N, C-alpha and C. Protein backbone atom coordinates (compact mmCIF):
# COMPACT_ATOMS: atom_id res chain seq x y z
N MET A 1 12.72 -21.20 31.03
CA MET A 1 13.20 -22.07 31.97
C MET A 1 11.71 -23.41 33.53
N VAL A 2 11.58 -24.37 32.71
CA VAL A 2 9.99 -24.79 33.48
C VAL A 2 10.53 -25.14 35.06
N VAL A 3 9.46 -24.82 35.42
CA VAL A 3 9.32 -25.06 37.12
C VAL A 3 8.38 -26.15 37.49
N SER A 4 8.55 -27.18 37.99
CA SER A 4 8.14 -28.21 38.63
C SER A 4 7.63 -28.02 39.42
N LEU A 5 6.27 -28.27 39.78
CA LEU A 5 5.28 -28.27 41.78
C LEU A 5 5.19 -29.09 41.81
N GLY A 6 5.84 -29.33 42.66
CA GLY A 6 4.97 -30.87 43.80
C GLY A 6 4.44 -30.94 44.12
N ARG A 7 4.28 -32.42 44.93
CA ARG A 7 3.08 -32.29 45.29
C ARG A 7 1.80 -31.21 45.75
N PRO A 8 3.19 -31.24 46.91
CA PRO A 8 2.58 -30.28 47.87
C PRO A 8 2.21 -29.28 47.22
N HIS A 9 3.18 -28.49 46.58
CA HIS A 9 2.77 -27.22 46.35
C HIS A 9 1.51 -27.29 45.23
N ARG A 10 1.67 -28.21 44.38
CA ARG A 10 0.66 -28.43 44.16
C ARG A 10 -1.13 -28.30 44.60
N THR A 11 -0.84 -27.90 45.64
CA THR A 11 -1.95 -28.39 46.35
C THR A 11 -2.32 -27.31 46.62
N VAL A 12 -1.19 -26.54 47.11
CA VAL A 12 -1.81 -25.39 48.25
C VAL A 12 -2.58 -24.30 46.58
N ALA A 13 -1.18 -24.55 44.83
CA ALA A 13 -1.94 -23.55 44.12
C ALA A 13 -3.63 -24.01 43.81
N CYS A 14 -3.64 -25.60 43.53
CA CYS A 14 -5.52 -25.89 43.01
C CYS A 14 -5.97 -25.29 44.86
N VAL A 15 -5.97 -25.18 45.97
CA VAL A 15 -6.58 -24.58 47.01
C VAL A 15 -6.89 -22.83 46.14
N ALA A 16 -5.60 -22.14 45.96
CA ALA A 16 -5.79 -20.92 46.47
C ALA A 16 -6.50 -20.16 44.47
N LEU A 17 -6.15 -21.17 43.41
CA LEU A 17 -6.92 -20.52 42.59
C LEU A 17 -8.42 -21.17 42.49
N LEU A 18 -8.80 -22.05 43.53
CA LEU A 18 -10.92 -22.74 43.91
C LEU A 18 -10.96 -20.82 45.31
N LEU A 19 -10.47 -21.25 45.91
CA LEU A 19 -10.44 -20.16 46.79
C LEU A 19 -10.19 -18.74 46.14
N VAL A 20 -10.12 -17.98 44.80
CA VAL A 20 -9.67 -17.08 43.89
C VAL A 20 -10.05 -16.56 43.10
N GLY A 21 -10.63 -17.84 42.77
CA GLY A 21 -11.69 -17.92 41.68
C GLY A 21 -12.89 -17.53 41.38
N PRO A 22 -13.65 -18.12 42.14
CA PRO A 22 -15.17 -17.54 42.33
C PRO A 22 -15.47 -15.86 42.55
N GLY A 23 -14.84 -15.78 43.21
CA GLY A 23 -14.27 -14.27 43.21
C GLY A 23 -13.47 -13.61 41.54
N ALA A 24 -12.57 -13.56 40.84
CA ALA A 24 -11.98 -13.11 39.93
C ALA A 24 -13.07 -13.70 39.10
N LEU A 25 -13.60 -14.20 39.01
CA LEU A 25 -15.03 -14.18 37.82
C LEU A 25 -15.92 -14.08 38.25
N ALA A 26 -16.16 -12.84 39.61
CA ALA A 26 -17.66 -12.50 40.10
C ALA A 26 -17.10 -10.98 39.56
N THR A 27 -15.89 -10.43 39.41
CA THR A 27 -15.86 -8.87 39.17
C THR A 27 -16.73 -8.63 37.17
N GLU A 28 -17.10 -7.36 37.43
CA GLU A 28 -18.21 -6.78 36.40
C GLU A 28 -16.40 -6.86 35.64
N SER A 29 -17.59 -6.28 33.92
CA SER A 29 -15.59 -5.57 33.40
C SER A 29 -16.37 -3.91 32.99
N ASN A 30 -15.25 -3.83 32.17
CA ASN A 30 -15.04 -2.38 32.04
C ASN A 30 -16.49 -2.07 31.51
N LEU A 31 -16.99 -2.98 30.82
CA LEU A 31 -18.05 -2.63 29.58
C LEU A 31 -19.07 -2.16 30.14
N GLN A 32 -18.74 -3.57 31.87
CA GLN A 32 -20.39 -3.43 32.40
C GLN A 32 -20.65 -2.43 33.26
N LEU A 33 -19.39 -2.59 34.14
CA LEU A 33 -19.45 -0.45 34.97
C LEU A 33 -19.71 0.26 34.35
N THR A 34 -19.85 0.68 32.80
CA THR A 34 -19.69 2.54 31.87
C THR A 34 -20.88 2.52 31.25
N SER A 35 -21.78 0.88 30.82
CA SER A 35 -22.72 0.20 30.51
C SER A 35 -24.38 1.03 31.19
N PRO A 36 -23.97 1.35 31.79
CA PRO A 36 -25.64 2.02 32.80
C PRO A 36 -25.31 3.50 32.27
N LEU A 37 -24.48 4.24 33.09
CA LEU A 37 -23.29 5.48 32.72
C LEU A 37 -23.56 5.94 31.13
N VAL A 38 -23.07 5.48 29.89
CA VAL A 38 -23.17 5.70 28.25
C VAL A 38 -25.00 5.13 28.10
N TRP A 39 -25.82 4.44 28.40
CA TRP A 39 -27.52 4.80 28.32
C TRP A 39 -28.23 6.02 29.10
N VAL A 40 -27.29 6.49 29.70
CA VAL A 40 -27.89 6.61 30.84
C VAL A 40 -27.44 8.36 29.11
N MET A 41 -26.35 9.17 30.04
CA MET A 41 -25.65 9.97 28.34
C MET A 41 -26.94 10.19 27.27
N VAL A 42 -26.79 8.90 26.54
CA VAL A 42 -27.14 9.15 25.48
C VAL A 42 -29.08 9.52 25.62
N SER A 43 -29.68 8.92 26.66
CA SER A 43 -30.93 9.49 26.41
C SER A 43 -31.18 10.63 26.84
N ILE A 44 -29.79 11.23 27.82
CA ILE A 44 -30.11 12.84 28.12
C ILE A 44 -30.11 13.42 26.90
N SER A 45 -28.87 13.07 26.45
CA SER A 45 -28.21 13.92 24.98
C SER A 45 -30.79 13.54 23.68
N ALA A 46 -29.98 12.16 23.55
CA ALA A 46 -31.43 12.39 22.99
C ALA A 46 -32.81 13.02 23.68
N ALA A 47 -33.21 12.85 24.27
CA ALA A 47 -34.23 14.45 25.19
C ALA A 47 -33.74 15.49 25.29
N GLY A 48 -32.59 16.01 24.45
CA GLY A 48 -32.16 17.15 24.28
C GLY A 48 -32.30 17.17 22.36
N ALA A 49 -32.06 16.65 22.30
CA ALA A 49 -32.52 16.92 19.78
C ALA A 49 -34.03 16.98 20.71
N ILE A 50 -34.58 15.98 20.70
CA ILE A 50 -36.34 16.15 20.95
C ILE A 50 -36.52 17.53 20.89
N VAL A 51 -36.25 18.17 22.02
CA VAL A 51 -37.07 19.72 22.29
C VAL A 51 -36.51 20.42 22.05
N THR A 52 -34.92 20.18 21.16
CA THR A 52 -34.80 21.64 20.28
C THR A 52 -35.30 21.24 18.55
N PHE A 53 -35.97 20.88 18.25
CA PHE A 53 -36.15 19.82 17.28
C PHE A 53 -37.64 19.89 16.90
N ALA A 54 -38.14 19.82 18.24
CA ALA A 54 -39.33 20.57 19.03
C ALA A 54 -39.92 21.80 18.81
N PHE A 55 -38.60 22.93 19.81
CA PHE A 55 -39.47 24.44 19.54
C PHE A 55 -38.77 24.66 17.67
N LEU A 56 -37.74 23.35 17.36
CA LEU A 56 -38.09 24.37 15.71
C LEU A 56 -38.94 24.84 15.25
N VAL A 57 -39.65 22.86 14.90
CA VAL A 57 -41.24 22.69 14.82
C VAL A 57 -42.30 24.57 15.05
N TYR A 58 -42.23 24.74 16.40
CA TYR A 58 -43.20 24.82 17.12
C TYR A 58 -42.72 27.03 16.27
N ALA A 59 -41.23 27.78 16.12
CA ALA A 59 -41.52 28.28 15.31
C ALA A 59 -41.73 28.94 14.22
N VAL A 60 -40.96 27.45 13.97
CA VAL A 60 -41.90 27.69 12.36
C VAL A 60 -43.03 27.78 12.09
N VAL A 61 -44.11 26.93 12.61
CA VAL A 61 -45.12 26.78 12.75
C VAL A 61 -45.98 28.76 12.75
N LYS A 62 -45.01 29.14 14.04
CA LYS A 62 -45.45 30.32 15.30
C LYS A 62 -45.26 31.44 14.42
N PHE A 63 -44.28 31.33 13.74
CA PHE A 63 -43.20 32.54 13.35
C PHE A 63 -43.92 32.85 11.90
N ARG A 64 -44.08 31.93 10.75
CA ARG A 64 -43.97 32.65 9.54
C ARG A 64 -45.05 32.58 9.16
N ASP A 65 -44.88 33.42 8.18
CA ASP A 65 -45.42 34.67 7.40
C ASP A 65 -46.72 34.20 6.82
N SER A 66 -47.43 35.31 7.35
CA SER A 66 -48.95 35.34 7.24
C SER A 66 -49.21 36.05 5.90
N ALA A 67 -47.82 36.11 5.29
CA ALA A 67 -48.77 37.26 3.49
C ALA A 67 -48.37 36.71 2.91
N ALA A 68 -47.63 35.46 3.26
CA ALA A 68 -47.08 34.53 1.87
C ALA A 68 -48.01 33.50 1.89
N LYS A 69 -49.17 33.36 2.02
CA LYS A 69 -50.70 32.07 2.23
C LYS A 69 -50.69 32.13 0.72
N GLY A 70 -50.52 30.78 0.19
CA GLY A 70 -51.45 31.16 -1.31
C GLY A 70 -50.54 31.68 -2.27
N ARG A 71 -49.49 31.96 -1.19
CA ARG A 71 -48.43 33.02 -3.01
C ARG A 71 -47.42 31.38 -3.30
N ARG A 72 -46.46 31.06 -4.27
CA ARG A 72 -46.08 29.94 -4.99
C ARG A 72 -44.71 31.03 -5.69
N TYR A 73 -43.74 30.23 -4.58
CA TYR A 73 -42.16 30.64 -4.53
C TYR A 73 -41.67 29.77 -6.45
N GLY A 74 -40.48 30.38 -6.20
CA GLY A 74 -39.89 29.72 -7.59
C GLY A 74 -40.32 30.97 -8.98
C-alpha cells in the first residue's frame, strides 16, 4: 500500500528531516566508539609481549652454562 503525502504533510516531513538529519549524521558508529579501546588493548598486549621477550633474553644470557662455552653440540 503506497501512501501519498499531501502538500502540508510533505513540508512537515521535510522540516523534520532537516532538523533530525544533522544530529543523526553526527553520531559515531560502534567502530568509531570502540577503536580507541582496541588500540589501548593492542598497545598493552604489545608492551607485555616486549617485556616477556626481554626477560626471556635476559634469563638466557644471565643463566647460561659457562662450562659449555666453546663446546660443540651434536
